[in-house]
Amino acid sequence: MSDEHSKKACDDRPRSVDELAFDPQWRITRSSRSRRWVTAEYRATDPEDPWVIGLTPIAHDLVAAILWKGDIVTEHERGSETAMCELARRWIARLGEQSFGPA
């Protein structure tokens, strides 16, 4: 496999909230002034299992990622935007497997 092909395979993973916006399940809210994102939210499609993933910037280079089930925060992390987008991708995969969270 060529280096360019390997790079493309890695590039398919969202590294920013702007890239997450291409997925219609993500709802991105932007500042009306700067047009910079202020929240990103993903809701699981099963209304019987109300999981929500939220991302929000909390400092220049720091983003909070929060996972809720209903009104309960089940996980919370902070890191770079790239790292939190990757974490959100992993949480979505786990949601599909229903392999975590409180019973």
C-alpha atoms as a PDB file:
ATOM      1  CA  MET A   1       0.000   0.000   0.000  1.00  0.00           C
ATOM      2  CA  SER A   2       1.402   3.414  -0.941  1.00  0.00           C
ATOM      3  CA  ASP A   3       2.071   6.110   1.653  1.00  0.00           C
ATOM      4  CA  GLU A   4      -0.569   8.272  -0.032  1.00  0.00           C
ATOM      5  CA  HIS A   5      -3.146   5.463   0.261  1.00  0.00           C
ATOM      6  CA  SER A   6      -2.266   4.909   3.940  1.00  0.00           C
ATOM      7  CA  LYS A   7      -2.595   8.630   4.593  1.00  0.00           C
ATOM      8  CA  LYS A   8      -6.020   8.680   2.896  1.00  0.00           C
ATOM      9  CA  ALA A   9      -7.241   5.780   5.071  1.00  0.00           C
ATOM     10  CA  CYS A  10      -6.285   7.735   8.203  1.00  0.00           C
ATOM     11  CA  ASP A  11      -7.801  10.907   6.769  1.00  0.00           C
ATOM     12  CA  ASP A  12     -11.269   9.308   6.753  1.00  0.00           C
ATOM     13  CA  ARG A  13     -11.459   9.768  10.526  1.00  0.00           C
ATOM     14  CA  PRO A  14     -12.745  13.193  11.576  1.00  0.00           C
ATOM     15  CA  ARG A  15      -9.992  15.217  13.234  1.00  0.00           C
ATOM     16  CA  SER A  16     -12.076  18.330  13.860  1.00  0.00           C
ATOM     17  CA  VAL A  17     -15.625  19.363  14.588  1.00  0.00           C
ATOM     18  CA  ASP A  18     -15.736  20.939  11.128  1.00  0.00           C
ATOM     19  CA  GLU A  19     -15.136  17.442   9.723  1.00  0.00           C
ATOM     20  CA  LEU A  20     -17.774  15.917  12.041  1.00  0.00           C
ATOM     21  CA  ALA A  21     -20.269  18.346  10.497  1.00  0.00           C
ATOM     22  CA  PHE A  22     -20.260  16.240   7.312  1.00  0.00           C
ATOM     23  CA  ASP A  23     -22.103  13.517   9.265  1.00  0.00           C
ATOM     24  CA  PRO A  24     -25.814  14.445   9.403  1.00  0.00           C
ATOM     25  CA  GLN A  25     -26.178  12.904  12.889  1.00  0.00           C
ATOM     26  CA  TRP A  26     -23.949  15.643  14.319  1.00  0.00           C
ATOM     27  CA  ARG A  27     -25.611  18.974  15.107  1.00  0.00           C
ATOM     28  CA  ILE A  28     -23.060  21.787  15.203  1.00  0.00           C
ATOM     29  CA  THR A  29     -23.883  25.167  16.741  1.00  0.00           C
ATOM     30  CA  ARG A  30     -21.735  28.101  15.665  1.00  0.00           C
ATOM     31  CA  SER A  31     -21.142  31.592  16.998  1.00  0.00           C
ATOM     32  CA  SER A  32     -23.076  34.119  14.926  1.00  0.00           C
ATOM     33  CA  ARG A  33     -20.075  36.462  15.054  1.00  0.00           C
ATOM     34  CA  SER A  34     -17.035  34.304  14.462  1.00  0.00           C
ATOM     35  CA  ARG A  35     -18.772  31.292  12.849  1.00  0.00           C
ATOM     36  CA  ARG A  36     -16.514  29.148  15.079  1.00  0.00           C
ATOM     37  CA  TRP A  37     -18.247  26.093  16.531  1.00  0.00           C
ATOM     38  CA  VAL A  38     -19.457  26.403  20.130  1.00  0.00           C
ATOM     39  CA  THR A  39     -21.144  23.018  20.597  1.00  0.00           C
ATOM     40  CA  ALA A  40     -21.333  19.740  18.725  1.00  0.00           C
ATOM     41  CA  GLU A  41     -23.948  17.154  19.627  1.00  0.00           C
ATOM     42  CA  TYR A  42     -24.583  13.591  18.498  1.00  0.00           C
ATOM     43  CA  ARG A  43     -27.795  11.818  19.541  1.00  0.00           C
ATOM     44  CA  ALA A  44     -28.166   8.074  19.268  1.00  0.00           C
ATOM     45  CA  THR A  45     -31.021   7.193  16.925  1.00  0.00           C
ATOM     46  CA  ASP A  46     -32.772   4.816  19.330  1.00  0.00           C
ATOM     47  CA  PRO A  47     -35.310   6.843  21.377  1.00  0.00           C
ATOM     48  CA  GLU A  48     -35.517   3.979  23.904  1.00  0.00           C
ATOM     49  CA  ASP A  49     -31.798   4.393  24.628  1.00  0.00           C
ATOM     50  CA  PRO A  50     -31.196   8.163  24.913  1.00  0.00           C
ATOM     51  CA  TRP A  51     -27.395   8.498  24.551  1.00  0.00           C
ATOM     52  CA  VAL A  52     -25.937  11.918  23.701  1.00  0.00           C
ATOM     53  CA  ILE A  53     -22.332  12.892  22.967  1.00  0.00           C
ATOM     54  CA  GLY A  54     -21.430  16.547  23.372  1.00  0.00           C
ATOM     55  CA  LEU A  55     -18.260  18.439  22.496  1.00  0.00           C
ATOM     56  CA  THR A  56     -17.543  21.998  23.564  1.00  0.00           C
ATOM     57  CA  PRO A  57     -14.400  24.146  23.498  1.00  0.00           C
ATOM     58  CA  ILE A  58     -13.300  25.128  27.002  1.00  0.00           C
ATOM     59  CA  ALA A  59      -9.989  26.872  26.224  1.00  0.00           C
ATOM     60  CA  HIS A  60      -7.951  27.770  23.155  1.00  0.00           C
ATOM     61  CA  ASP A  61      -6.559  24.256  22.631  1.00  0.00           C
ATOM     62  CA  LEU A  62      -8.832  22.274  24.938  1.00  0.00           C
ATOM     63  CA  VAL A  63     -12.168  20.578  24.227  1.00  0.00           C
ATOM     64  CA  ALA A  64     -14.505  18.783  26.614  1.00  0.00           C
ATOM     65  CA  ALA A  65     -16.232  15.587  25.483  1.00  0.00           C
ATOM     66  CA  ILE A  66     -19.228  14.468  27.515  1.00  0.00           C
ATOM     67  CA  LEU A  67     -21.323  11.319  27.196  1.00  0.00           C
ATOM     68  CA  TRP A  68     -24.834  11.319  28.659  1.00  0.00           C
ATOM     69  CA  LYS A  69     -27.438   8.643  29.041  1.00  0.00           C
ATOM     70  CA  GLY A  70     -30.606  10.590  29.600  1.00  0.00           C
ATOM     71  CA  ASP A  71     -29.693  13.227  32.195  1.00  0.00           C
ATOM     72  CA  ILE A  72     -26.736  11.301  33.646  1.00  0.00           C
ATOM     73  CA  VAL A  73     -23.139  12.042  32.642  1.00  0.00           C
ATOM     74  CA  THR A  74     -21.509   8.635  32.211  1.00  0.00           C
ATOM     75  CA  GLU A  75     -18.113   9.745  30.876  1.00  0.00           C
ATOM     76  CA  HIS A  76     -16.223  13.017  30.581  1.00  0.00           C
ATOM     77  CA  GLU A  77     -12.825  13.744  29.059  1.00  0.00           C
ATOM     78  CA  ARG A  78     -10.765  16.784  28.084  1.00  0.00           C
ATOM     79  CA  GLY A  79      -8.136  17.042  25.395  1.00  0.00           C
ATOM     80  CA  SER A  80      -7.288  18.433  22.005  1.00  0.00           C
ATOM     81  CA  GLU A  81     -10.045  18.797  19.429  1.00  0.00           C
ATOM     82  CA  THR A  82      -8.495  15.977  17.408  1.00  0.00           C
ATOM     83  CA  ALA A  83      -8.309  13.652  20.420  1.00  0.00           C
ATOM     84  CA  MET A  84     -11.896  14.402  21.479  1.00  0.00           C
ATOM     85  CA  CYS A  85     -13.200  13.814  17.925  1.00  0.00           C
ATOM     86  CA  GLU A  86     -11.437  10.441  17.984  1.00  0.00           C
ATOM     87  CA  LEU A  87     -12.929   9.690  21.412  1.00  0.00           C
ATOM     88  CA  ALA A  88     -16.403  10.600  20.131  1.00  0.00           C
ATOM     89  CA  ARG A  89     -15.875   8.227  17.192  1.00  0.00           C
ATOM     90  CA  ARG A  90     -14.968   5.425  19.619  1.00  0.00           C
ATOM     91  CA  TRP A  91     -17.995   6.201  21.807  1.00  0.00           C
ATOM     92  CA  ILE A  92     -20.269   6.030  18.761  1.00  0.00           C
ATOM     93  CA  ALA A  93     -18.787   2.645  17.835  1.00  0.00           C
ATOM     94  CA  ARG A  94     -19.359   1.428  21.401  1.00  0.00           C
ATOM     95  CA  LEU A  95     -22.928   2.733  21.338  1.00  0.00           C
ATOM     96  CA  GLY A  96     -23.505   0.560  18.306  1.00  0.00           C
ATOM     97  CA  GLU A  97     -22.229  -2.409  20.303  1.00  0.00           C
ATOM     98  CA  GLN A  98     -24.061  -1.340  23.515  1.00  0.00           C
ATOM     99  CA  SER A  99     -20.987  -2.357  25.484  1.00  0.00           C
ATOM    100  CA  PHE A 100     -20.708   0.326  28.154  1.00  0.00           C
ATOM    101  CA  GLY A 101     -22.455   2.680  30.514  1.00  0.00           C
ATOM    102  CA  PRO A 102     -24.497   2.089  33.644  1.00  0.00           C
ATOM    103  CA  ALA A 103     -27.258  -0.477  33.471  1.00  0.00           C
END
